[in-house]
N, C-alpha and C. Protein backbone atom coordinates (compact mmCIF):
# COMPACT_ATOMS: atom_id res chain seq x y z
N MET A 1 41.82 31.20 13.26
CA MET A 1 41.89 31.62 11.87
C MET A 1 42.34 30.46 10.97
N GLU A 2 43.30 29.64 11.47
CA GLU A 2 43.79 28.52 10.68
C GLU A 2 42.69 27.48 10.48
N ILE A 3 41.89 27.30 11.50
CA ILE A 3 40.79 26.33 11.38
C ILE A 3 39.80 26.78 10.32
N LEU A 4 39.48 28.06 10.32
CA LEU A 4 38.54 28.59 9.32
C LEU A 4 39.09 28.42 7.92
N LEU A 5 40.36 28.69 7.71
CA LEU A 5 40.97 28.50 6.39
C LEU A 5 40.96 27.04 5.98
N GLY A 6 41.20 26.15 6.93
CA GLY A 6 41.16 24.71 6.65
C GLY A 6 39.76 24.26 6.22
N VAL A 7 38.75 24.77 6.90
CA VAL A 7 37.36 24.42 6.57
C VAL A 7 37.00 24.95 5.19
N VAL A 8 37.38 26.19 4.89
CA VAL A 8 37.09 26.79 3.58
C VAL A 8 37.80 26.00 2.49
N ALA A 9 39.05 25.61 2.71
CA ALA A 9 39.79 24.84 1.72
C ALA A 9 39.14 23.47 1.50
N ALA A 10 38.72 22.82 2.57
CA ALA A 10 38.08 21.51 2.45
C ALA A 10 36.76 21.60 1.69
N VAL A 11 35.97 22.61 1.99
CA VAL A 11 34.69 22.78 1.29
C VAL A 11 34.93 23.08 -0.19
N THR A 12 35.91 23.92 -0.48
CA THR A 12 36.22 24.25 -1.87
C THR A 12 36.66 23.02 -2.64
N LEU A 13 37.54 22.22 -2.05
CA LEU A 13 37.98 20.99 -2.71
C LEU A 13 36.82 20.01 -2.90
N GLY A 14 35.94 19.94 -1.92
CA GLY A 14 34.77 19.08 -2.05
C GLY A 14 33.86 19.49 -3.19
N VAL A 15 33.66 20.79 -3.34
CA VAL A 15 32.82 21.29 -4.43
C VAL A 15 33.47 20.99 -5.78
N VAL A 16 34.76 21.22 -5.89
CA VAL A 16 35.47 20.95 -7.14
C VAL A 16 35.39 19.47 -7.48
N TRP A 17 35.60 18.60 -6.49
CA TRP A 17 35.53 17.16 -6.71
C TRP A 17 34.12 16.74 -7.16
N THR A 18 33.11 17.27 -6.53
CA THR A 18 31.73 16.95 -6.90
C THR A 18 31.43 17.37 -8.32
N LEU A 19 31.83 18.57 -8.69
CA LEU A 19 31.61 19.04 -10.06
C LEU A 19 32.37 18.20 -11.06
N ALA A 20 33.56 17.79 -10.74
CA ALA A 20 34.34 16.94 -11.64
C ALA A 20 33.67 15.59 -11.83
N LEU A 21 33.13 15.02 -10.76
CA LEU A 21 32.44 13.74 -10.88
C LEU A 21 31.16 13.86 -11.70
N ARG A 22 30.46 14.94 -11.52
CA ARG A 22 29.22 15.12 -12.28
C ARG A 22 29.48 15.21 -13.77
N ARG A 23 30.58 15.77 -14.15
CA ARG A 23 30.90 15.91 -15.56
C ARG A 23 31.60 14.69 -16.12
N SER A 24 31.98 13.79 -15.26
CA SER A 24 32.72 12.60 -15.68
C SER A 24 31.81 11.66 -16.46
N GLY A 25 32.23 11.30 -17.67
CA GLY A 25 31.48 10.35 -18.46
C GLY A 25 31.56 8.95 -17.89
N ARG A 26 32.64 8.64 -17.20
CA ARG A 26 32.83 7.32 -16.62
C ARG A 26 31.74 7.01 -15.60
N ARG A 27 31.34 7.99 -14.85
CA ARG A 27 30.31 7.81 -13.83
C ARG A 27 28.97 7.46 -14.45
N ARG A 28 28.74 7.91 -15.65
CA ARG A 28 27.42 7.76 -16.27
C ARG A 28 27.29 6.54 -17.16
N THR A 29 28.39 5.87 -17.45
CA THR A 29 28.31 4.72 -18.34
C THR A 29 28.19 3.44 -17.54
N VAL A 30 27.47 2.51 -18.10
CA VAL A 30 27.33 1.19 -17.49
C VAL A 30 27.80 0.19 -18.53
N ARG A 31 28.82 -0.58 -18.17
CA ARG A 31 29.40 -1.53 -19.12
C ARG A 31 28.36 -2.54 -19.61
N GLY A 32 28.39 -2.80 -20.90
CA GLY A 32 27.53 -3.83 -21.48
C GLY A 32 26.09 -3.42 -21.71
N ALA A 33 25.73 -2.20 -21.37
CA ALA A 33 24.34 -1.77 -21.52
C ALA A 33 24.02 -1.50 -22.98
N THR A 34 22.84 -1.92 -23.38
CA THR A 34 22.39 -1.65 -24.74
C THR A 34 22.01 -0.17 -24.86
N LYS A 35 21.79 0.24 -26.07
CA LYS A 35 21.40 1.64 -26.30
C LYS A 35 20.09 1.96 -25.59
N ARG A 36 19.16 1.03 -25.59
CA ARG A 36 17.87 1.23 -24.93
C ARG A 36 18.04 1.37 -23.41
N VAL A 37 18.87 0.53 -22.82
CA VAL A 37 19.11 0.59 -21.38
C VAL A 37 19.79 1.91 -21.02
N ARG A 38 20.78 2.33 -21.81
CA ARG A 38 21.43 3.62 -21.55
C ARG A 38 20.43 4.76 -21.64
N ALA A 39 19.52 4.69 -22.60
CA ALA A 39 18.49 5.74 -22.73
C ALA A 39 17.57 5.75 -21.50
N LEU A 40 17.21 4.57 -21.00
CA LEU A 40 16.35 4.50 -19.81
C LEU A 40 17.07 5.04 -18.58
N LEU A 41 18.35 4.73 -18.43
CA LEU A 41 19.11 5.25 -17.29
C LEU A 41 19.30 6.76 -17.40
N ASP A 42 19.40 7.27 -18.62
CA ASP A 42 19.45 8.73 -18.80
C ASP A 42 18.12 9.36 -18.40
N CYS A 43 17.01 8.72 -18.75
CA CYS A 43 15.69 9.21 -18.32
C CYS A 43 15.62 9.23 -16.79
N TYR A 44 16.16 8.21 -16.16
CA TYR A 44 16.17 8.15 -14.70
C TYR A 44 16.97 9.32 -14.12
N ARG A 45 18.14 9.60 -14.69
CA ARG A 45 18.97 10.71 -14.19
C ARG A 45 18.28 12.06 -14.36
N ARG A 46 17.41 12.16 -15.37
CA ARG A 46 16.67 13.40 -15.60
C ARG A 46 15.36 13.43 -14.80
N ALA A 47 15.13 12.43 -13.99
CA ALA A 47 13.90 12.32 -13.18
C ALA A 47 12.66 12.18 -14.05
N ASP A 48 12.80 11.52 -15.19
CA ASP A 48 11.67 11.22 -16.06
C ASP A 48 11.11 9.87 -15.63
N TRP A 49 10.44 9.87 -14.49
CA TRP A 49 9.99 8.63 -13.86
C TRP A 49 9.05 7.83 -14.75
N ALA A 50 8.16 8.50 -15.45
CA ALA A 50 7.16 7.79 -16.27
C ALA A 50 7.83 7.00 -17.39
N SER A 51 8.83 7.58 -18.03
CA SER A 51 9.53 6.87 -19.12
C SER A 51 10.23 5.62 -18.60
N VAL A 52 10.82 5.72 -17.44
CA VAL A 52 11.50 4.56 -16.86
C VAL A 52 10.48 3.49 -16.49
N ALA A 53 9.37 3.90 -15.90
CA ALA A 53 8.34 2.95 -15.48
C ALA A 53 7.71 2.22 -16.67
N VAL A 54 7.66 2.87 -17.82
CA VAL A 54 7.09 2.26 -19.01
C VAL A 54 8.11 1.38 -19.73
N GLY A 55 9.34 1.85 -19.86
CA GLY A 55 10.34 1.15 -20.67
C GLY A 55 11.15 0.09 -19.97
N ALA A 56 11.40 0.25 -18.69
CA ALA A 56 12.28 -0.68 -17.97
C ALA A 56 11.73 -2.11 -17.87
N PRO A 57 10.44 -2.32 -17.62
CA PRO A 57 9.97 -3.70 -17.52
C PRO A 57 10.25 -4.53 -18.78
N GLU A 58 10.15 -3.91 -19.94
CA GLU A 58 10.44 -4.62 -21.19
C GLU A 58 11.91 -5.02 -21.26
N ALA A 59 12.80 -4.09 -20.89
CA ALA A 59 14.24 -4.40 -20.92
C ALA A 59 14.59 -5.46 -19.89
N LEU A 60 13.95 -5.42 -18.74
CA LEU A 60 14.24 -6.39 -17.68
C LEU A 60 13.60 -7.75 -17.94
N ALA A 61 12.60 -7.82 -18.80
CA ALA A 61 11.91 -9.07 -19.09
C ALA A 61 12.75 -10.00 -19.96
N ARG A 62 13.74 -9.45 -20.65
CA ARG A 62 14.60 -10.28 -21.48
C ARG A 62 15.38 -11.26 -20.60
N PRO A 63 15.56 -12.48 -21.10
CA PRO A 63 16.35 -13.43 -20.32
C PRO A 63 17.80 -12.95 -20.21
N SER A 64 18.43 -13.26 -19.10
CA SER A 64 19.81 -12.83 -18.86
C SER A 64 20.75 -13.62 -19.76
N ASP A 65 21.70 -12.89 -20.37
CA ASP A 65 22.70 -13.55 -21.21
C ASP A 65 24.08 -13.50 -20.55
N GLY A 66 24.13 -13.05 -19.31
CA GLY A 66 25.40 -12.96 -18.60
C GLY A 66 26.10 -11.63 -18.79
N ALA A 67 25.79 -10.93 -19.88
CA ALA A 67 26.42 -9.63 -20.15
C ALA A 67 25.68 -8.50 -19.46
N ASP A 68 24.58 -8.82 -18.80
CA ASP A 68 23.77 -7.78 -18.17
C ASP A 68 24.05 -7.63 -16.68
N GLN A 69 25.10 -8.26 -16.20
CA GLN A 69 25.39 -8.21 -14.77
C GLN A 69 25.65 -6.80 -14.26
N SER A 70 26.18 -5.94 -15.11
CA SER A 70 26.49 -4.59 -14.63
C SER A 70 25.30 -3.64 -14.75
N TRP A 71 24.48 -3.80 -15.78
CA TRP A 71 23.39 -2.85 -15.95
C TRP A 71 22.08 -3.29 -15.31
N ARG A 72 21.85 -4.57 -15.17
CA ARG A 72 20.57 -5.05 -14.62
C ARG A 72 20.31 -4.53 -13.20
N PRO A 73 21.29 -4.56 -12.28
CA PRO A 73 21.01 -4.00 -10.94
C PRO A 73 20.68 -2.51 -11.00
N ALA A 74 21.38 -1.76 -11.84
CA ALA A 74 21.13 -0.32 -11.95
C ALA A 74 19.73 -0.06 -12.47
N LEU A 75 19.30 -0.84 -13.47
CA LEU A 75 17.97 -0.62 -14.04
C LEU A 75 16.88 -1.07 -13.08
N GLU A 76 17.10 -2.15 -12.34
CA GLU A 76 16.12 -2.59 -11.33
C GLU A 76 15.92 -1.50 -10.28
N LEU A 77 17.03 -0.93 -9.79
CA LEU A 77 16.94 0.12 -8.79
C LEU A 77 16.29 1.38 -9.36
N ALA A 78 16.62 1.71 -10.60
CA ALA A 78 16.02 2.89 -11.24
C ALA A 78 14.52 2.71 -11.39
N LEU A 79 14.10 1.52 -11.80
CA LEU A 79 12.67 1.25 -11.94
C LEU A 79 11.98 1.32 -10.56
N GLY A 80 12.62 0.74 -9.55
CA GLY A 80 12.03 0.78 -8.21
C GLY A 80 11.83 2.20 -7.72
N GLN A 81 12.86 3.03 -7.86
CA GLN A 81 12.71 4.41 -7.39
C GLN A 81 11.69 5.16 -8.23
N SER A 82 11.66 4.89 -9.53
CA SER A 82 10.69 5.57 -10.39
C SER A 82 9.26 5.23 -9.97
N LEU A 83 9.02 3.97 -9.64
CA LEU A 83 7.69 3.58 -9.18
C LEU A 83 7.34 4.23 -7.85
N VAL A 84 8.31 4.37 -6.97
CA VAL A 84 8.06 5.07 -5.70
C VAL A 84 7.71 6.52 -5.99
N GLU A 85 8.45 7.16 -6.88
CA GLU A 85 8.19 8.56 -7.22
C GLU A 85 6.82 8.75 -7.88
N LEU A 86 6.34 7.70 -8.56
CA LEU A 86 5.02 7.75 -9.19
C LEU A 86 3.91 7.29 -8.24
N ASP A 87 4.24 7.17 -6.96
CA ASP A 87 3.29 6.78 -5.92
C ASP A 87 2.74 5.37 -6.16
N ARG A 88 3.64 4.45 -6.54
CA ARG A 88 3.29 3.05 -6.72
C ARG A 88 4.28 2.19 -5.90
N PRO A 89 4.33 2.42 -4.58
CA PRO A 89 5.37 1.78 -3.77
C PRO A 89 5.27 0.26 -3.70
N TYR A 90 4.08 -0.30 -3.76
CA TYR A 90 3.95 -1.75 -3.66
C TYR A 90 4.54 -2.44 -4.87
N GLU A 91 4.45 -1.82 -6.04
CA GLU A 91 5.07 -2.38 -7.24
C GLU A 91 6.59 -2.24 -7.18
N ALA A 92 7.07 -1.24 -6.45
CA ALA A 92 8.50 -0.94 -6.41
C ALA A 92 9.28 -1.90 -5.53
N ILE A 93 8.66 -2.49 -4.54
CA ILE A 93 9.38 -3.30 -3.54
C ILE A 93 10.19 -4.41 -4.19
N GLY A 94 9.59 -5.18 -5.06
CA GLY A 94 10.30 -6.30 -5.70
C GLY A 94 11.50 -5.84 -6.51
N HIS A 95 11.35 -4.73 -7.22
CA HIS A 95 12.46 -4.23 -8.04
C HIS A 95 13.59 -3.70 -7.17
N LEU A 96 13.26 -3.02 -6.09
CA LEU A 96 14.29 -2.51 -5.19
C LEU A 96 15.04 -3.67 -4.52
N GLU A 97 14.30 -4.68 -4.07
CA GLU A 97 14.95 -5.83 -3.44
C GLU A 97 15.86 -6.56 -4.43
N ARG A 98 15.34 -6.80 -5.64
CA ARG A 98 16.11 -7.50 -6.65
C ARG A 98 17.36 -6.70 -7.04
N GLY A 99 17.21 -5.40 -7.19
CA GLY A 99 18.33 -4.54 -7.54
C GLY A 99 19.42 -4.56 -6.48
N LEU A 100 19.01 -4.50 -5.21
CA LEU A 100 20.00 -4.54 -4.13
C LEU A 100 20.70 -5.89 -4.05
N LEU A 101 19.95 -6.98 -4.23
CA LEU A 101 20.56 -8.31 -4.21
C LEU A 101 21.54 -8.49 -5.38
N LEU A 102 21.15 -8.05 -6.56
CA LEU A 102 22.04 -8.16 -7.72
C LEU A 102 23.29 -7.30 -7.55
N GLN A 103 23.11 -6.11 -7.00
CA GLN A 103 24.24 -5.21 -6.77
C GLN A 103 25.21 -5.82 -5.76
N ALA A 104 24.69 -6.41 -4.69
CA ALA A 104 25.54 -7.05 -3.69
C ALA A 104 26.29 -8.23 -4.29
N ALA A 105 25.61 -9.03 -5.11
CA ALA A 105 26.26 -10.17 -5.75
C ALA A 105 27.36 -9.71 -6.70
N LEU A 106 27.12 -8.62 -7.42
CA LEU A 106 28.11 -8.08 -8.34
C LEU A 106 29.34 -7.60 -7.58
N ARG A 107 29.12 -6.92 -6.47
CA ARG A 107 30.26 -6.43 -5.67
C ARG A 107 31.07 -7.60 -5.10
N ARG A 108 30.37 -8.63 -4.63
CA ARG A 108 31.09 -9.81 -4.11
C ARG A 108 31.90 -10.48 -5.20
N ALA A 109 31.32 -10.58 -6.40
CA ALA A 109 32.03 -11.22 -7.52
C ALA A 109 33.27 -10.43 -7.94
N GLN A 110 33.23 -9.12 -7.73
CA GLN A 110 34.37 -8.29 -8.09
C GLN A 110 35.39 -8.19 -6.95
N GLY A 111 35.15 -8.95 -5.88
CA GLY A 111 36.09 -8.96 -4.77
C GLY A 111 35.84 -7.91 -3.73
N GLY A 112 34.74 -7.18 -3.87
CA GLY A 112 34.40 -6.14 -2.89
C GLY A 112 33.51 -6.69 -1.80
N GLY A 113 33.16 -5.85 -0.87
CA GLY A 113 32.26 -6.24 0.21
C GLY A 113 30.82 -5.92 -0.14
N ASP A 114 29.94 -6.22 0.78
CA ASP A 114 28.53 -5.90 0.61
C ASP A 114 28.37 -4.43 0.79
């Protein structure tokens, strides 16, 4: 009986934690992102794959100014997954690879691991 209560309590806490994270604005913001990039990432969260596939290449084509280190990996990965969802996997490979490499570099720069 104690084990069952422990499992129920753990599942309940997990559900509450998940709901709290989903509502958290901190989880959804990307530091340094322009209004256009935030709009594209919102389209990605809503599974609006076509909007991301159309808008992201333009945002990613801009030369890096150093302030894009936090949003560029997220947008590369979002574009890659959007292309996969649109049945364009060969176009997605480069974006997924670049996004993963940029994300790993960002984590290393922040003192984290791969």
